[in-house]
């Protein structure tokens, strides 16, 4: 399985470590009134979708960048990838 790294080009998936759902970028605020519940959900609750899904992958055996990879969980087809920092900045700008 090849992951299209936005800087380095196609890379073998074995160079990466999988973290999980892209929503892990949105870490809850520890100052929020419901911080304990929010962190419990953040740490322990995960979706397990069938189909196209956005995931976090770490380029452990390469430039050590974090990527958001769009992948079909049924076929394992990789549909695209972008730098996680760009996704996080875009989410902050849009207020998500």
C-alpha atoms as a PDB file:
ATOM      1  CA  UNK A   1       0.000   0.000   0.000  1.00  0.00           C
ATOM      2  CA  UNK A   2       1.482   3.347  -1.052  1.00  0.00           C
ATOM      3  CA  UNK A   3       0.747   6.593   0.767  1.00  0.00           C
ATOM      4  CA  UNK A   4       1.090   9.740  -1.396  1.00  0.00           C
ATOM      5  CA  UNK A   5       3.219  11.888   0.934  1.00  0.00           C
ATOM      6  CA  UNK A   6       2.595  15.551  -0.024  1.00  0.00           C
ATOM      7  CA  UNK A   7       6.319  16.404   0.184  1.00  0.00           C
ATOM      8  CA  UNK A   8       8.185  13.141  -0.511  1.00  0.00           C
ATOM      9  CA  UNK A   9       5.861  11.493  -3.018  1.00  0.00           C
ATOM     10  CA  UNK A  10       4.614   7.887  -2.838  1.00  0.00           C
ATOM     11  CA  UNK A  11       5.897   6.041   0.239  1.00  0.00           C
ATOM     12  CA  UNK A  12       5.367   2.470   1.401  1.00  0.00           C
ATOM     13  CA  UNK A  13       2.804   2.274   4.231  1.00  0.00           C
ATOM     14  CA  UNK A  14       5.315   0.231   6.281  1.00  0.00           C
ATOM     15  CA  UNK A  15       7.241   3.486   6.843  1.00  0.00           C
ATOM     16  CA  UNK A  16       4.252   4.848   8.810  1.00  0.00           C
ATOM     17  CA  UNK A  17       2.526   4.255  12.128  1.00  0.00           C
ATOM     18  CA  UNK A  18      -1.258   4.495  12.229  1.00  0.00           C
ATOM     19  CA  UNK A  19      -2.770   6.557  15.059  1.00  0.00           C
ATOM     20  CA  UNK A  20      -6.499   6.682  14.396  1.00  0.00           C
ATOM     21  CA  UNK A  21      -9.321   9.009  13.464  1.00  0.00           C
ATOM     22  CA  UNK A  22      -8.381  12.521  12.324  1.00  0.00           C
ATOM     23  CA  UNK A  23     -10.603  13.933  15.083  1.00  0.00           C
ATOM     24  CA  UNK A  24      -7.715  13.266  17.483  1.00  0.00           C
ATOM     25  CA  UNK A  25      -6.330  16.595  16.228  1.00  0.00           C
ATOM     26  CA  UNK A  26      -9.141  18.292  18.175  1.00  0.00           C
ATOM     27  CA  UNK A  27      -7.913  17.661  21.706  1.00  0.00           C
ATOM     28  CA  UNK A  28     -10.422  18.871  24.334  1.00  0.00           C
ATOM     29  CA  UNK A  29      -9.600  21.853  26.504  1.00  0.00           C
ATOM     30  CA  UNK A  30      -8.535  20.876  30.035  1.00  0.00           C
ATOM     31  CA  UNK A  31     -10.171  24.102  31.285  1.00  0.00           C
ATOM     32  CA  UNK A  32     -13.647  23.243  29.986  1.00  0.00           C
ATOM     33  CA  UNK A  33     -16.339  22.577  32.599  1.00  0.00           C
ATOM     34  CA  UNK A  34     -16.880  19.068  31.181  1.00  0.00           C
ATOM     35  CA  UNK A  35     -13.149  18.348  30.726  1.00  0.00           C
ATOM     36  CA  UNK A  36     -13.217  14.937  32.454  1.00  0.00           C
ATOM     37  CA  UNK A  37     -16.058  13.648  30.270  1.00  0.00           C
ATOM     38  CA  UNK A  38     -14.560  15.206  27.143  1.00  0.00           C
ATOM     39  CA  UNK A  39     -11.168  13.558  27.759  1.00  0.00           C
ATOM     40  CA  UNK A  40     -12.818  10.214  28.513  1.00  0.00           C
ATOM     41  CA  UNK A  41     -14.570  10.365  25.132  1.00  0.00           C
ATOM     42  CA  UNK A  42     -11.386  11.612  23.425  1.00  0.00           C
ATOM     43  CA  UNK A  43      -9.246   8.770  24.781  1.00  0.00           C
ATOM     44  CA  UNK A  44     -11.615   5.801  24.771  1.00  0.00           C
ATOM     45  CA  UNK A  45     -14.413   6.295  22.214  1.00  0.00           C
ATOM     46  CA  UNK A  46     -13.608   5.544  18.581  1.00  0.00           C
ATOM     47  CA  UNK A  47     -15.701   5.129  15.472  1.00  0.00           C
ATOM     48  CA  UNK A  48     -15.072   2.083  13.313  1.00  0.00           C
ATOM     49  CA  UNK A  49     -16.459   3.159   9.936  1.00  0.00           C
ATOM     50  CA  UNK A  50     -16.755   1.062   6.813  1.00  0.00           C
ATOM     51  CA  UNK A  51     -15.839   3.132   3.769  1.00  0.00           C
ATOM     52  CA  UNK A  52     -13.954   6.370   3.239  1.00  0.00           C
ATOM     53  CA  UNK A  53     -12.344   7.636   6.435  1.00  0.00           C
ATOM     54  CA  UNK A  54      -9.769  10.299   7.385  1.00  0.00           C
ATOM     55  CA  UNK A  55      -6.952   9.011   9.601  1.00  0.00           C
ATOM     56  CA  UNK A  56      -3.736  10.202  11.234  1.00  0.00           C
ATOM     57  CA  UNK A  57      -0.526   8.503  10.149  1.00  0.00           C
ATOM     58  CA  UNK A  58       3.013   9.254  11.441  1.00  0.00           C
ATOM     59  CA  UNK A  59       5.958   8.936   9.026  1.00  0.00           C
ATOM     60  CA  UNK A  60       8.108   7.142  11.568  1.00  0.00           C
ATOM     61  CA  UNK A  61      10.670   5.725   9.118  1.00  0.00           C
ATOM     62  CA  UNK A  62      10.992   8.940   7.135  1.00  0.00           C
ATOM     63  CA  UNK A  63      10.749  12.659   7.789  1.00  0.00           C
ATOM     64  CA  UNK A  64       8.693  12.139  11.011  1.00  0.00           C
ATOM     65  CA  UNK A  65       5.771  14.176   9.701  1.00  0.00           C
ATOM     66  CA  UNK A  66       2.118  13.617  10.593  1.00  0.00           C
ATOM     67  CA  UNK A  67      -0.303  13.077   7.709  1.00  0.00           C
ATOM     68  CA  UNK A  68      -4.057  13.031   7.360  1.00  0.00           C
ATOM     69  CA  UNK A  69      -4.710  10.122   5.013  1.00  0.00           C
ATOM     70  CA  UNK A  70      -8.044   9.563   3.291  1.00  0.00           C
ATOM     71  CA  UNK A  71      -8.517   5.790   3.029  1.00  0.00           C
ATOM     72  CA  UNK A  72     -11.320   3.392   2.214  1.00  0.00           C
ATOM     73  CA  UNK A  73     -11.403   1.028   5.205  1.00  0.00           C
ATOM     74  CA  UNK A  74     -13.171  -1.674   3.170  1.00  0.00           C
ATOM     75  CA  UNK A  75     -10.758  -1.831   0.220  1.00  0.00           C
ATOM     76  CA  UNK A  76      -7.704  -0.171   1.873  1.00  0.00           C
ATOM     77  CA  UNK A  77      -7.448   2.117  -1.163  1.00  0.00           C
ATOM     78  CA  UNK A  78      -5.580   5.338  -0.335  1.00  0.00           C
ATOM     79  CA  UNK A  79      -7.454   8.297  -1.808  1.00  0.00           C
ATOM     80  CA  UNK A  80      -5.102  11.103  -0.775  1.00  0.00           C
ATOM     81  CA  UNK A  81      -2.967  12.596   1.971  1.00  0.00           C
ATOM     82  CA  UNK A  82      -2.118  16.018   3.346  1.00  0.00           C
ATOM     83  CA  UNK A  83       0.078  17.332   6.121  1.00  0.00           C
ATOM     84  CA  UNK A  84      -1.706  17.199   9.473  1.00  0.00           C
ATOM     85  CA  UNK A  85      -0.413  20.651  10.421  1.00  0.00           C
ATOM     86  CA  UNK A  86      -2.166  22.118   7.362  1.00  0.00           C
ATOM     87  CA  UNK A  87      -5.408  20.367   8.317  1.00  0.00           C
ATOM     88  CA  UNK A  88      -5.150  21.592  11.933  1.00  0.00           C
ATOM     89  CA  UNK A  89      -4.498  25.190  10.829  1.00  0.00           C
ATOM     90  CA  UNK A  90      -7.423  25.084   8.389  1.00  0.00           C
ATOM     91  CA  UNK A  91      -9.692  23.738  11.150  1.00  0.00           C
ATOM     92  CA  UNK A  92      -8.628  26.553  13.499  1.00  0.00           C
ATOM     93  CA  UNK A  93      -9.265  29.168  10.825  1.00  0.00           C
ATOM     94  CA  UNK A  94     -12.728  27.791  10.104  1.00  0.00           C
ATOM     95  CA  UNK A  95     -13.624  27.576  13.797  1.00  0.00           C
ATOM     96  CA  UNK A  96     -14.028  23.781  13.988  1.00  0.00           C
END
